[in-house]
PDB file of N, CA and C in Angstrom:
ATOM      1  N   THR A   1      74.386 -22.974 -11.704  1.00  0.00           N
ATOM      2  CA  THR A   1      73.091 -23.596 -11.491  1.00  0.00           C
ATOM      3  C   THR A   1      73.165 -24.616 -10.363  1.00  0.00           C
ATOM      4  N   LEU A   2      74.217 -25.409 -10.351  1.00  0.00           N
ATOM      5  CA  LEU A   2      74.346 -26.444  -9.315  1.00  0.00           C
ATOM      6  C   LEU A   2      74.657 -25.876  -7.938  1.00  0.00           C
ATOM      7  N   PHE A   3      75.424 -24.799  -7.904  1.00  0.00           N
ATOM      8  CA  PHE A   3      75.916 -24.271  -6.636  1.00  0.00           C
ATOM      9  C   PHE A   3      75.552 -22.782  -6.519  1.00  0.00           C
ATOM     10  N   SER A   4      74.293 -22.510  -6.294  1.00  0.00           N
ATOM     11  CA  SER A   4      73.789 -21.139  -6.242  1.00  0.00           C
ATOM     12  C   SER A   4      74.440 -20.350  -5.113  1.00  0.00           C
ATOM     13  N   ASP A   5      74.803 -19.100  -5.419  1.00  0.00           N
ATOM     14  CA  ASP A   5      75.365 -18.235  -4.382  1.00  0.00           C
ATOM     15  C   ASP A   5      74.291 -17.795  -3.378  1.00  0.00           C
ATOM     16  N   LYS A   6      73.055 -18.099  -3.678  1.00  0.00           N
ATOM     17  CA  LYS A   6      71.946 -17.782  -2.760  1.00  0.00           C
ATOM     18  C   LYS A   6      71.736 -18.890  -1.716  1.00  0.00           C
ATOM     19  N   ASN A   7      72.364 -20.030  -1.929  1.00  0.00           N
ATOM     20  CA  ASN A   7      72.246 -21.162  -1.018  1.00  0.00           C
ATOM     21  C   ASN A   7      73.364 -21.070   0.030  1.00  0.00           C
ATOM     22  N   SER A   8      72.987 -20.925   1.285  1.00  0.00           N
ATOM     23  CA  SER A   8      73.979 -20.759   2.357  1.00  0.00           C
ATOM     24  C   SER A   8      74.891 -21.981   2.520  1.00  0.00           C
ATOM     25  N   ARG A   9      74.464 -23.147   2.020  1.00  0.00           N
ATOM     26  CA  ARG A   9      75.303 -24.355   2.109  1.00  0.00           C
ATOM     27  C   ARG A   9      76.641 -24.175   1.401  1.00  0.00           C
ATOM     28  N   PHE A  10      76.653 -23.303   0.403  1.00  0.00           N
ATOM     29  CA  PHE A  10      77.863 -23.148  -0.399  1.00  0.00           C
ATOM     30  C   PHE A  10      78.704 -21.941  -0.010  1.00  0.00           C
ATOM     31  N   LYS A  11      78.273 -21.216   1.008  1.00  0.00           N
ATOM     32  CA  LYS A  11      79.038 -20.050   1.435  1.00  0.00           C
ATOM     33  C   LYS A  11      80.390 -20.499   1.996  1.00  0.00           C
ATOM     34  N   ASN A  12      81.447 -19.919   1.472  1.00  0.00           N
ATOM     35  CA  ASN A  12      82.832 -20.186   1.898  1.00  0.00           C
ATOM     36  C   ASN A  12      83.270 -21.637   1.692  1.00  0.00           C
ATOM     37  N   ILE A  13      82.578 -22.375   0.839  1.00  0.00           N
ATOM     38  CA  ILE A  13      82.967 -23.760   0.584  1.00  0.00           C
ATOM     39  C   ILE A  13      84.223 -23.786  -0.296  1.00  0.00           C
ATOM     40  N   ARG A  14      85.060 -24.741  -0.067  1.00  0.00           N
ATOM     41  CA  ARG A  14      86.275 -24.884  -0.882  1.00  0.00           C
ATOM     42  C   ARG A  14      85.895 -25.296  -2.302  1.00  0.00           C
ATOM     43  N   SER A  15      86.506 -24.662  -3.269  1.00  0.00           N
ATOM     44  CA  SER A  15      86.202 -24.957  -4.670  1.00  0.00           C
ATOM     45  C   SER A  15      86.542 -26.398  -5.029  1.00  0.00           C
ATOM     46  N   THR A  16      87.499 -26.988  -4.329  1.00  0.00           N
ATOM     47  CA  THR A  16      87.856 -28.376  -4.617  1.00  0.00           C
ATOM     48  C   THR A  16      86.693 -29.318  -4.297  1.00  0.00           C
ATOM     49  N   LYS A  17      85.918 -28.995  -3.277  1.00  0.00           N
ATOM     50  CA  LYS A  17      84.742 -29.822  -2.952  1.00  0.00           C
ATOM     51  C   LYS A  17      83.707 -29.745  -4.061  1.00  0.00           C
ATOM     52  N   LEU A  18      83.501 -28.550  -4.592  1.00  0.00           N
ATOM     53  CA  LEU A  18      82.543 -28.378  -5.687  1.00  0.00           C
ATOM     54  C   LEU A  18      83.034 -29.096  -6.943  1.00  0.00           C
ATOM     55  N   LEU A  19      84.324 -28.980  -7.215  1.00  0.00           N
ATOM     56  CA  LEU A  19      84.895 -29.646  -8.385  1.00  0.00           C
ATOM     57  C   LEU A  19      84.725 -31.156  -8.279  1.00  0.00           C
ATOM     58  N   LYS A  20      84.952 -31.715  -7.103  1.00  0.00           N
ATOM     59  CA  LYS A  20      84.793 -33.166  -6.924  1.00  0.00           C
ATOM     60  C   LYS A  20      83.359 -33.603  -7.196  1.00  0.00           C
ATOM     61  N   LYS A  21      82.380 -32.781  -6.796  1.00  0.00           N
ATOM     62  CA  LYS A  21      80.975 -33.106  -7.069  1.00  0.00           C
ATOM     63  C   LYS A  21      80.695 -33.080  -8.571  1.00  0.00           C
ATOM     64  N   VAL A  22      81.246 -32.092  -9.257  1.00  0.00           N
ATOM     65  CA  VAL A  22      81.064 -31.995 -10.709  1.00  0.00           C
ATOM     66  C   VAL A  22      81.732 -33.178 -11.410  1.00  0.00           C
ATOM     67  N   LEU A  23      82.927 -33.527 -10.985  1.00  0.00           N
ATOM     68  CA  LEU A  23      83.632 -34.666 -11.585  1.00  0.00           C
ATOM     69  C   LEU A  23      82.829 -35.950 -11.421  1.00  0.00           C
ATOM     70  N   ASN A  24      82.200 -36.119 -10.278  1.00  0.00           N
ATOM     71  CA  ASN A  24      81.374 -37.294 -10.037  1.00  0.00           C
ATOM     72  C   ASN A  24      80.166 -37.304 -10.981  1.00  0.00           C
ATOM     73  N   LEU A  25      79.530 -36.159 -11.172  1.00  0.00           N
ATOM     74  CA  LEU A  25      78.391 -36.063 -12.085  1.00  0.00           C
ATOM     75  C   LEU A  25      78.798 -36.384 -13.527  1.00  0.00           C
ATOM     76  N   ILE A  26      79.955 -35.893 -13.929  1.00  0.00           N
ATOM     77  CA  ILE A  26      80.472 -36.177 -15.269  1.00  0.00           C
ATOM     78  C   ILE A  26      80.675 -37.680 -15.441  1.00  0.00           C
ATOM     79  N   LYS A  27      81.283 -38.300 -14.432  1.00  0.00           N
ATOM     80  CA  LYS A  27      81.559 -39.735 -14.479  1.00  0.00           C
ATOM     81  C   LYS A  27      80.265 -40.552 -14.546  1.00  0.00           C
ATOM     82  N   ILE A  28      79.278 -40.182 -13.736  1.00  0.00           N
ATOM     83  CA  ILE A  28      77.993 -40.882 -13.725  1.00  0.00           C
ATOM     84  C   ILE A  28      77.334 -40.848 -15.103  1.00  0.00           C
ATOM     85  N   LYS A  29      77.492 -39.738 -15.814  1.00  0.00           N
ATOM     86  CA  LYS A  29      76.894 -39.577 -17.150  1.00  0.00           C
ATOM     87  C   LYS A  29      77.698 -40.292 -18.234  1.00  0.00           C
ATOM     88  N   GLY A  30      78.848 -40.869 -17.864  1.00  0.00           N
ATOM     89  CA  GLY A  30      79.649 -41.619 -18.826  1.00  0.00           C
ATOM     90  C   GLY A  30      80.651 -40.777 -19.598  1.00  0.00           C
ATOM     91  N   TYR A  31      81.071 -39.667 -19.003  1.00  0.00           N
ATOM     92  CA  TYR A  31      82.037 -38.788 -19.657  1.00  0.00           C
ATOM     93  C   TYR A  31      83.321 -38.705 -18.848  1.00  0.00           C
ATOM     94  N   LYS A  32      84.356 -38.226 -19.510  1.00  0.00           N
ATOM     95  CA  LYS A  32      85.612 -37.919 -18.832  1.00  0.00           C
ATOM     96  C   LYS A  32      86.174 -36.643 -19.445  1.00  0.00           C
ATOM     97  N   ILE A  33      87.047 -35.989 -18.713  1.00  0.00           N
ATOM     98  CA  ILE A  33      87.639 -34.733 -19.188  1.00  0.00           C
ATOM     99  C   ILE A  33      88.640 -35.022 -20.289  1.00  0.00           C
ATOM    100  N   ASN A  34      88.493 -34.295 -21.380  1.00  0.00           N
ATOM    101  CA  ASN A  34      89.429 -34.385 -22.496  1.00  0.00           C
ATOM    102  C   ASN A  34      90.546 -33.356 -22.329  1.00  0.00           C
ATOM    103  N   ASN A  35      90.170 -32.099 -22.055  1.00  0.00           N
ATOM    104  CA  ASN A  35      91.168 -31.072 -21.772  1.00  0.00           C
ATOM    105  C   ASN A  35      90.517 -29.893 -21.057  1.00  0.00           C
ATOM    106  N   ILE A  36      91.363 -29.057 -20.466  1.00  0.00           N
ATOM    107  CA  ILE A  36      90.915 -27.883 -19.715  1.00  0.00           C
ATOM    108  C   ILE A  36      91.748 -26.691 -20.173  1.00  0.00           C
ATOM    109  N   ASP A  37      91.058 -25.579 -20.468  1.00  0.00           N
ATOM    110  CA  ASP A  37      91.724 -24.338 -20.858  1.00  0.00           C
ATOM    111  C   ASP A  37      91.301 -23.251 -19.874  1.00  0.00           C
ATOM    112  N   ILE A  38      92.274 -22.616 -19.231  1.00  0.00           N
ATOM    113  CA  ILE A  38      91.997 -21.635 -18.178  1.00  0.00           C
ATOM    114  C   ILE A  38      92.606 -20.290 -18.538  1.00  0.00           C
ATOM    115  N   ASN A  39      91.797 -19.229 -18.404  1.00  0.00           N
ATOM    116  CA  ASN A  39      92.276 -17.851 -18.543  1.00  0.00           C
ATOM    117  C   ASN A  39      92.157 -17.174 -17.186  1.00  0.00           C
ATOM    118  N   VAL A  40      93.263 -16.686 -16.668  1.00  0.00           N
ATOM    119  CA  VAL A  40      93.243 -15.878 -15.450  1.00  0.00           C
ATOM    120  C   VAL A  40      93.316 -14.431 -15.924  1.00  0.00           C
ATOM    121  N   ILE A  41      92.313 -13.637 -15.534  1.00  0.00           N
ATOM    122  CA  ILE A  41      92.209 -12.267 -16.027  1.00  0.00           C
ATOM    123  C   ILE A  41      92.511 -11.306 -14.888  1.00  0.00           C
ATOM    124  N   ALA A  42      93.597 -10.557 -15.044  1.00  0.00           N
ATOM    125  CA  ALA A  42      94.034  -9.591 -14.043  1.00  0.00           C
ATOM    126  C   ALA A  42      94.801  -8.489 -14.766  1.00  0.00           C
ATOM    127  N   GLN A  43      94.911  -7.339 -14.160  1.00  0.00           N
ATOM    128  CA  GLN A  43      95.655  -6.274 -14.824  1.00  0.00           C
ATOM    129  C   GLN A  43      97.135  -6.623 -14.923  1.00  0.00           C
ATOM    130  N   LYS A  44      97.635  -7.319 -13.931  1.00  0.00           N
ATOM    131  CA  LYS A  44      99.043  -7.739 -13.955  1.00  0.00           C
ATOM    132  C   LYS A  44      99.124  -9.237 -13.670  1.00  0.00           C
ATOM    133  N   PRO A  45      98.665 -10.052 -14.614  1.00  0.00           N
ATOM    134  CA  PRO A  45      98.698 -11.501 -14.350  1.00  0.00           C
ATOM    135  C   PRO A  45     100.136 -12.013 -14.306  1.00  0.00           C
ATOM    136  N   LYS A  46     100.461 -12.661 -13.215  1.00  0.00           N
ATOM    137  CA  LYS A  46     101.800 -13.233 -13.057  1.00  0.00           C
ATOM    138  C   LYS A  46     101.646 -14.745 -12.943  1.00  0.00           C
ATOM    139  N   ILE A  47     101.049 -15.311 -13.965  1.00  0.00           N
ATOM    140  CA  ILE A  47     100.671 -16.716 -13.944  1.00  0.00           C
ATOM    141  C   ILE A  47     101.880 -17.650 -14.016  1.00  0.00           C
ATOM    142  N   ASN A  48     102.945 -17.222 -14.673  1.00  0.00           N
ATOM    143  CA  ASN A  48     104.100 -18.118 -14.856  1.00  0.00           C
ATOM    144  C   ASN A  48     104.682 -18.605 -13.536  1.00  0.00           C
ATOM    145  N   LYS A  49     104.625 -17.761 -12.516  1.00  0.00           N
ATOM    146  CA  LYS A  49     105.173 -18.119 -11.206  1.00  0.00           C
ATOM    147  C   LYS A  49     104.431 -19.307 -10.583  1.00  0.00           C
ATOM    148  N   PHE A  50     103.120 -19.400 -10.840  1.00  0.00           N
ATOM    149  CA  PHE A  50     102.285 -20.420 -10.213  1.00  0.00           C
ATOM    150  C   PHE A  50     101.744 -21.452 -11.192  1.00  0.00           C
ATOM    151  N   ARG A  51     102.063 -21.285 -12.471  1.00  0.00           N
ATOM    152  CA  ARG A  51     101.481 -22.103 -13.537  1.00  0.00           C
ATOM    153  C   ARG A  51     101.604 -23.602 -13.271  1.00  0.00           C
ATOM    154  N   ASN A  52     102.794 -24.089 -13.042  1.00  0.00           N
ATOM    155  CA  ASN A  52     102.998 -25.537 -12.853  1.00  0.00           C
ATOM    156  C   ASN A  52     102.305 -26.069 -11.603  1.00  0.00           C
ATOM    157  N   LYS A  53     102.315 -25.289 -10.539  1.00  0.00           N
ATOM    158  CA  LYS A  53     101.651 -25.709  -9.298  1.00  0.00           C
ATOM    159  C   LYS A  53     100.141 -25.836  -9.516  1.00  0.00           C
ATOM    160  N   ILE A  54      99.553 -24.864 -10.201  1.00  0.00           N
ATOM    161  CA  ILE A  54      98.114 -24.899 -10.487  1.00  0.00           C
ATOM    162  C   ILE A  54      97.788 -26.087 -11.381  1.00  0.00           C
ATOM    163  N   ILE A  55      98.559 -26.261 -12.439  1.00  0.00           N
ATOM    164  CA  ILE A  55      98.322 -27.371 -13.377  1.00  0.00           C
ATOM    165  C   ILE A  55      98.424 -28.710 -12.658  1.00  0.00           C
ATOM    166  N   ASN A  56      99.451 -28.892 -11.847  1.00  0.00           N
ATOM    167  CA  ASN A  56      99.621 -30.163 -11.132  1.00  0.00           C
ATOM    168  C   ASN A  56      98.488 -30.419 -10.147  1.00  0.00           C
ATOM    169  N   SER A  57      98.028 -29.377  -9.475  1.00  0.00           N
ATOM    170  CA  SER A  57      96.923 -29.517  -8.531  1.00  0.00           C
ATOM    171  C   SER A  57      95.631 -29.922  -9.249  1.00  0.00           C
ATOM    172  N   ILE A  58      95.312 -29.247 -10.333  1.00  0.00           N
ATOM    173  CA  ILE A  58      94.100 -29.565 -11.103  1.00  0.00           C
ATOM    174  C   ILE A  58      94.221 -30.952 -11.726  1.00  0.00           C
ATOM    175  N   SER A  59      95.403 -31.277 -12.197  1.00  0.00           N
ATOM    176  CA  SER A  59      95.648 -32.591 -12.793  1.00  0.00           C
ATOM    177  C   SER A  59      95.349 -33.714 -11.809  1.00  0.00           C
ATOM    178  N   LYS A  60      95.808 -33.569 -10.588  1.00  0.00           N
ATOM    179  CA  LYS A  60      95.569 -34.581  -9.555  1.00  0.00           C
ATOM    180  C   LYS A  60      94.091 -34.678  -9.201  1.00  0.00           C
ATOM    181  N   LEU A  61      93.450 -33.527  -9.032  1.00  0.00           N
ATOM    182  CA  LEU A  61      92.025 -33.513  -8.689  1.00  0.00           C
ATOM    183  C   LEU A  61      91.167 -34.156  -9.778  1.00  0.00           C
ATOM    184  N   CYS A  62      91.495 -33.833 -11.030  1.00  0.00           N
ATOM    185  CA  CYS A  62      90.687 -34.310 -12.167  1.00  0.00           C
ATOM    186  C   CYS A  62      91.157 -35.663 -12.704  1.00  0.00           C
ATOM    187  N   LYS A  63      92.275 -36.145 -12.169  1.00  0.00           N
ATOM    188  CA  LYS A  63      92.847 -37.424 -12.605  1.00  0.00           C
ATOM    189  C   LYS A  63      93.090 -37.442 -14.112  1.00  0.00           C
ATOM    190  N   ILE A  64      93.757 -36.360 -14.578  1.00  0.00           N
ATOM    191  CA  ILE A  64      94.139 -36.264 -15.983  1.00  0.00           C
ATOM    192  C   ILE A  64      95.611 -35.869 -16.069  1.00  0.00           C
ATOM    193  N   ASN A  65      96.179 -36.042 -17.230  1.00  0.00           N
ATOM    194  CA  ASN A  65      97.569 -35.704 -17.480  1.00  0.00           C
ATOM    195  C   ASN A  65      97.739 -34.178 -17.459  1.00  0.00           C
ATOM    196  N   PRO A  66      98.800 -33.666 -16.853  1.00  0.00           N
ATOM    197  CA  PRO A  66      99.035 -32.216 -16.850  1.00  0.00           C
ATOM    198  C   PRO A  66      99.078 -31.616 -18.260  1.00  0.00           C
ATOM    199  N   GLN A  67      99.449 -32.412 -19.237  1.00  0.00           N
ATOM    200  CA  GLN A  67      99.511 -31.918 -20.617  1.00  0.00           C
ATOM    201  C   GLN A  67      98.122 -31.648 -21.199  1.00  0.00           C
ATOM    202  N   GLN A  68      97.070 -32.081 -20.510  1.00  0.00           N
ATOM    203  CA  GLN A  68      95.704 -31.824 -20.955  1.00  0.00           C
ATOM    204  C   GLN A  68      95.167 -30.500 -20.399  1.00  0.00           C
ATOM    205  N   ILE A  69      96.022 -29.769 -19.682  1.00  0.00           N
ATOM    206  CA  ILE A  69      95.606 -28.519 -19.047  1.00  0.00           C
ATOM    207  C   ILE A  69      96.455 -27.369 -19.575  1.00  0.00           C
ATOM    208  N   ASN A  70      95.782 -26.294 -19.972  1.00  0.00           N
ATOM    209  CA  ASN A  70      96.472 -25.084 -20.411  1.00  0.00           C
ATOM    210  C   ASN A  70      95.992 -23.927 -19.545  1.00  0.00           C
ATOM    211  N   ILE A  71      96.922 -23.099 -19.099  1.00  0.00           N
ATOM    212  CA  ILE A  71      96.565 -21.932 -18.292  1.00  0.00           C
ATOM    213  C   ILE A  71      97.369 -20.742 -18.786  1.00  0.00           C
ATOM    214  N   LYS A  72      96.679 -19.621 -18.913  1.00  0.00           N
ATOM    215  CA  LYS A  72      97.358 -18.420 -19.382  1.00  0.00           C
ATOM    216  C   LYS A  72      96.761 -17.192 -18.712  1.00  0.00           C
ATOM    217  N   GLY A  73      97.502 -16.100 -18.719  1.00  0.00           N
ATOM    218  CA  GLY A  73      97.047 -14.847 -18.139  1.00  0.00           C
ATOM    219  C   GLY A  73      96.654 -13.858 -19.215  1.00  0.00           C
ATOM    220  N   LYS A  74      95.618 -13.071 -18.921  1.00  0.00           N
ATOM    221  CA  LYS A  74      95.165 -12.009 -19.816  1.00  0.00           C
ATOM    222  C   LYS A  74      94.890 -10.762 -18.993  1.00  0.00           C
ATOM    223  N   THR A  75      94.870  -9.608 -19.677  1.00  0.00           N
ATOM    224  CA  THR A  75      94.521  -8.364 -19.005  1.00  0.00           C
ATOM    225  C   THR A  75      93.245  -7.788 -19.621  1.00  0.00           C
ATOM    226  N   THR A  76      92.701  -6.766 -18.969  1.00  0.00           N
ATOM    227  CA  THR A  76      91.555  -6.041 -19.528  1.00  0.00           C
ATOM    228  C   THR A  76      91.999  -4.679 -20.045  1.00  0.00           C
ATOM    229  N   GLU A  77      93.307  -4.506 -20.173  1.00  0.00           N
ATOM    230  CA  GLU A  77      93.872  -3.245 -20.685  1.00  0.00           C
ATOM    231  C   GLU A  77      93.373  -2.037 -19.883  1.00  0.00           C
ATOM    232  N   LYS A  78      93.431  -2.178 -18.557  1.00  0.00           N
ATOM    233  CA  LYS A  78      93.092  -1.122 -17.599  1.00  0.00           C
ATOM    234  C   LYS A  78      91.608  -0.752 -17.583  1.00  0.00           C
ATOM    235  N   LEU A  79      90.743  -1.631 -18.095  1.00  0.00           N
ATOM    236  CA  LEU A  79      89.304  -1.371 -18.088  1.00  0.00           C
ATOM    237  C   LEU A  79      88.636  -2.014 -16.876  1.00  0.00           C
ATOM    238  N   GLY A  80      87.647  -1.335 -16.314  1.00  0.00           N
ATOM    239  CA  GLY A  80      86.824  -1.882 -15.240  1.00  0.00           C
ATOM    240  C   GLY A  80      87.576  -2.130 -13.951  1.00  0.00           C
ATOM    241  N   LEU A  81      86.924  -2.877 -13.067  1.00  0.00           N
ATOM    242  CA  LEU A  81      87.520  -3.178 -11.761  1.00  0.00           C
ATOM    243  C   LEU A  81      88.794  -3.997 -11.885  1.00  0.00           C
ATOM    244  N   ILE A  82      88.824  -4.891 -12.857  1.00  0.00           N
ATOM    245  CA  ILE A  82      90.034  -5.699 -13.057  1.00  0.00           C
ATOM    246  C   ILE A  82      91.182  -4.797 -13.481  1.00  0.00           C
ATOM    247  N   GLY A  83      90.912  -3.885 -14.396  1.00  0.00           N
ATOM    248  CA  GLY A  83      91.933  -2.955 -14.882  1.00  0.00           C
ATOM    249  C   GLY A  83      92.433  -2.007 -13.811  1.00  0.00           C
ATOM    250  N   LYS A  84      91.582  -1.752 -12.817  1.00  0.00           N
ATOM    251  CA  LYS A  84      91.975  -0.889 -11.698  1.00  0.00           C
ATOM    252  C   LYS A  84      92.611  -1.697 -10.568  1.00  0.00           C
ATOM    253  N   GLU A  85      92.839  -2.987 -10.811  1.00  0.00           N
ATOM    254  CA  GLU A  85      93.459  -3.910  -9.859  1.00  0.00           C
ATOM    255  C   GLU A  85      92.640  -4.086  -8.589  1.00  0.00           C
ATOM    256  N   LYS A  86      91.312  -4.027  -8.722  1.00  0.00           N
ATOM    257  CA  LYS A  86      90.413  -4.229  -7.586  1.00  0.00           C
ATOM    258  C   LYS A  86      89.691  -5.568  -7.674  1.00  0.00           C
ATOM    259  N   ALA A  87      89.962  -6.308  -8.733  1.00  0.00           N
ATOM    260  CA  ALA A  87      89.306  -7.601  -8.928  1.00  0.00           C
ATOM    261  C   ALA A  87      90.179  -8.479  -9.813  1.00  0.00           C
ATOM    262  N   ILE A  88      89.838  -9.741  -9.816  1.00  0.00           N
ATOM    263  CA  ILE A  88      90.492 -10.727 -10.673  1.00  0.00           C
ATOM    264  C   ILE A  88      89.395 -11.695 -11.102  1.00  0.00           C
ATOM    265  N   ALA A  89      89.530 -12.268 -12.284  1.00  0.00           N
ATOM    266  CA  ALA A  89      88.514 -13.190 -12.790  1.00  0.00           C
ATOM    267  C   ALA A  89      89.202 -14.383 -13.451  1.00  0.00           C
ATOM    268  N   ALA A  90      88.413 -15.418 -13.679  1.00  0.00           N
ATOM    269  CA  ALA A  90      88.928 -16.584 -14.384  1.00  0.00           C
ATOM    270  C   ALA A  90      87.838 -17.133 -15.295  1.00  0.00           C
ATOM    271  N   GLU A  91      88.246 -17.633 -16.439  1.00  0.00           N
ATOM    272  CA  GLU A  91      87.354 -18.328 -17.364  1.00  0.00           C
ATOM    273  C   GLU A  91      87.922 -19.724 -17.560  1.00  0.00           C
ATOM    274  N   VAL A  92      87.050 -20.714 -17.548  1.00  0.00           N
ATOM    275  CA  VAL A  92      87.507 -22.083 -17.747  1.00  0.00           C
ATOM    276  C   VAL A  92      86.610 -22.752 -18.783  1.00  0.00           C
ATOM    277  N   ILE A  93      87.235 -23.324 -19.779  1.00  0.00           N
ATOM    278  CA  ILE A  93      86.506 -24.108 -20.774  1.00  0.00           C
ATOM    279  C   ILE A  93      87.030 -25.532 -20.663  1.00  0.00           C
ATOM    280  N   THR A  94      86.106 -26.456 -20.479  1.00  0.00           N
ATOM    281  CA  THR A  94      86.476 -27.871 -20.329  1.00  0.00           C
ATOM    282  C   THR A  94      85.807 -28.686 -21.411  1.00  0.00           C
ATOM    283  N   SER A  95      86.597 -29.468 -22.103  1.00  0.00           N
ATOM    284  CA  SER A  95      86.069 -30.388 -23.114  1.00  0.00           C
ATOM    285  C   SER A  95      85.952 -31.760 -22.471  1.00  0.00           C
ATOM    286  N   VAL A  96      84.755 -32.370 -22.608  1.00  0.00           N
ATOM    287  CA  VAL A  96      84.541 -33.713 -22.079  1.00  0.00           C
ATOM    288  C   VAL A  96      84.196 -34.642 -23.235  1.00  0.00           C
ATOM    289  N   ILE A  97      84.557 -35.906 -23.084  1.00  0.00           N
ATOM    290  CA  ILE A  97      84.230 -36.903 -24.110  1.00  0.00           C
ATOM    291  C   ILE A  97      83.553 -38.092 -23.461  1.00  0.00           C
ATOM    292  N   ASN A  98      82.713 -38.749 -24.239  1.00  0.00           N
ATOM    293  CA  ASN A  98      82.013 -39.936 -23.779  1.00  0.00           C
ATOM    294  C   ASN A  98      82.947 -41.126 -23.912  1.00  0.00           C
ATOM    295  N   TYR A  99      82.929 -41.986 -22.945  1.00  0.00           N
ATOM    296  CA  TYR A  99      83.744 -43.202 -23.018  1.00  0.00           C
ATOM    297  C   TYR A  99      82.854 -44.420 -22.887  1.00  0.00           C
ATOM    298  N   ASP A 100      83.317 -45.532 -23.411  1.00  0.00           N
ATOM    299  CA  ASP A 100      82.554 -46.787 -23.316  1.00  0.00           C
ATOM    300  C   ASP A 100      82.655 -47.334 -21.904  1.00  0.00           C
ATOM    301  N   LYS A 101      81.508 -47.662 -21.349  1.00  0.00           N
ATOM    302  CA  LYS A 101      81.489 -48.209 -19.976  1.00  0.00           C
ATOM    303  C   LYS A 101      81.891 -49.650 -19.962  1.00  0.00           C
TER     304      LYS A 101
END
């Protein structure tokens, strides 16, 4: 909703810029990130090779402890474009909590 793919302003924009805008909105509303759970969906997810690098990068951007971030790989069991190794997807669930100002 915030970053429509129909808006040319966001074409080829770095995801870190979008994340920083979201983090600012969360902060303005009086919330902070409690934890982040990430699923990388690919037919052959090789997440272990990059797991720590991804966690450390997100940790720095979000200003949270790396232990508050979980990342894992899943497959689609050869179904669809992901199963045919023509695509990759990610799901992210973030828990936020209100803090006293």
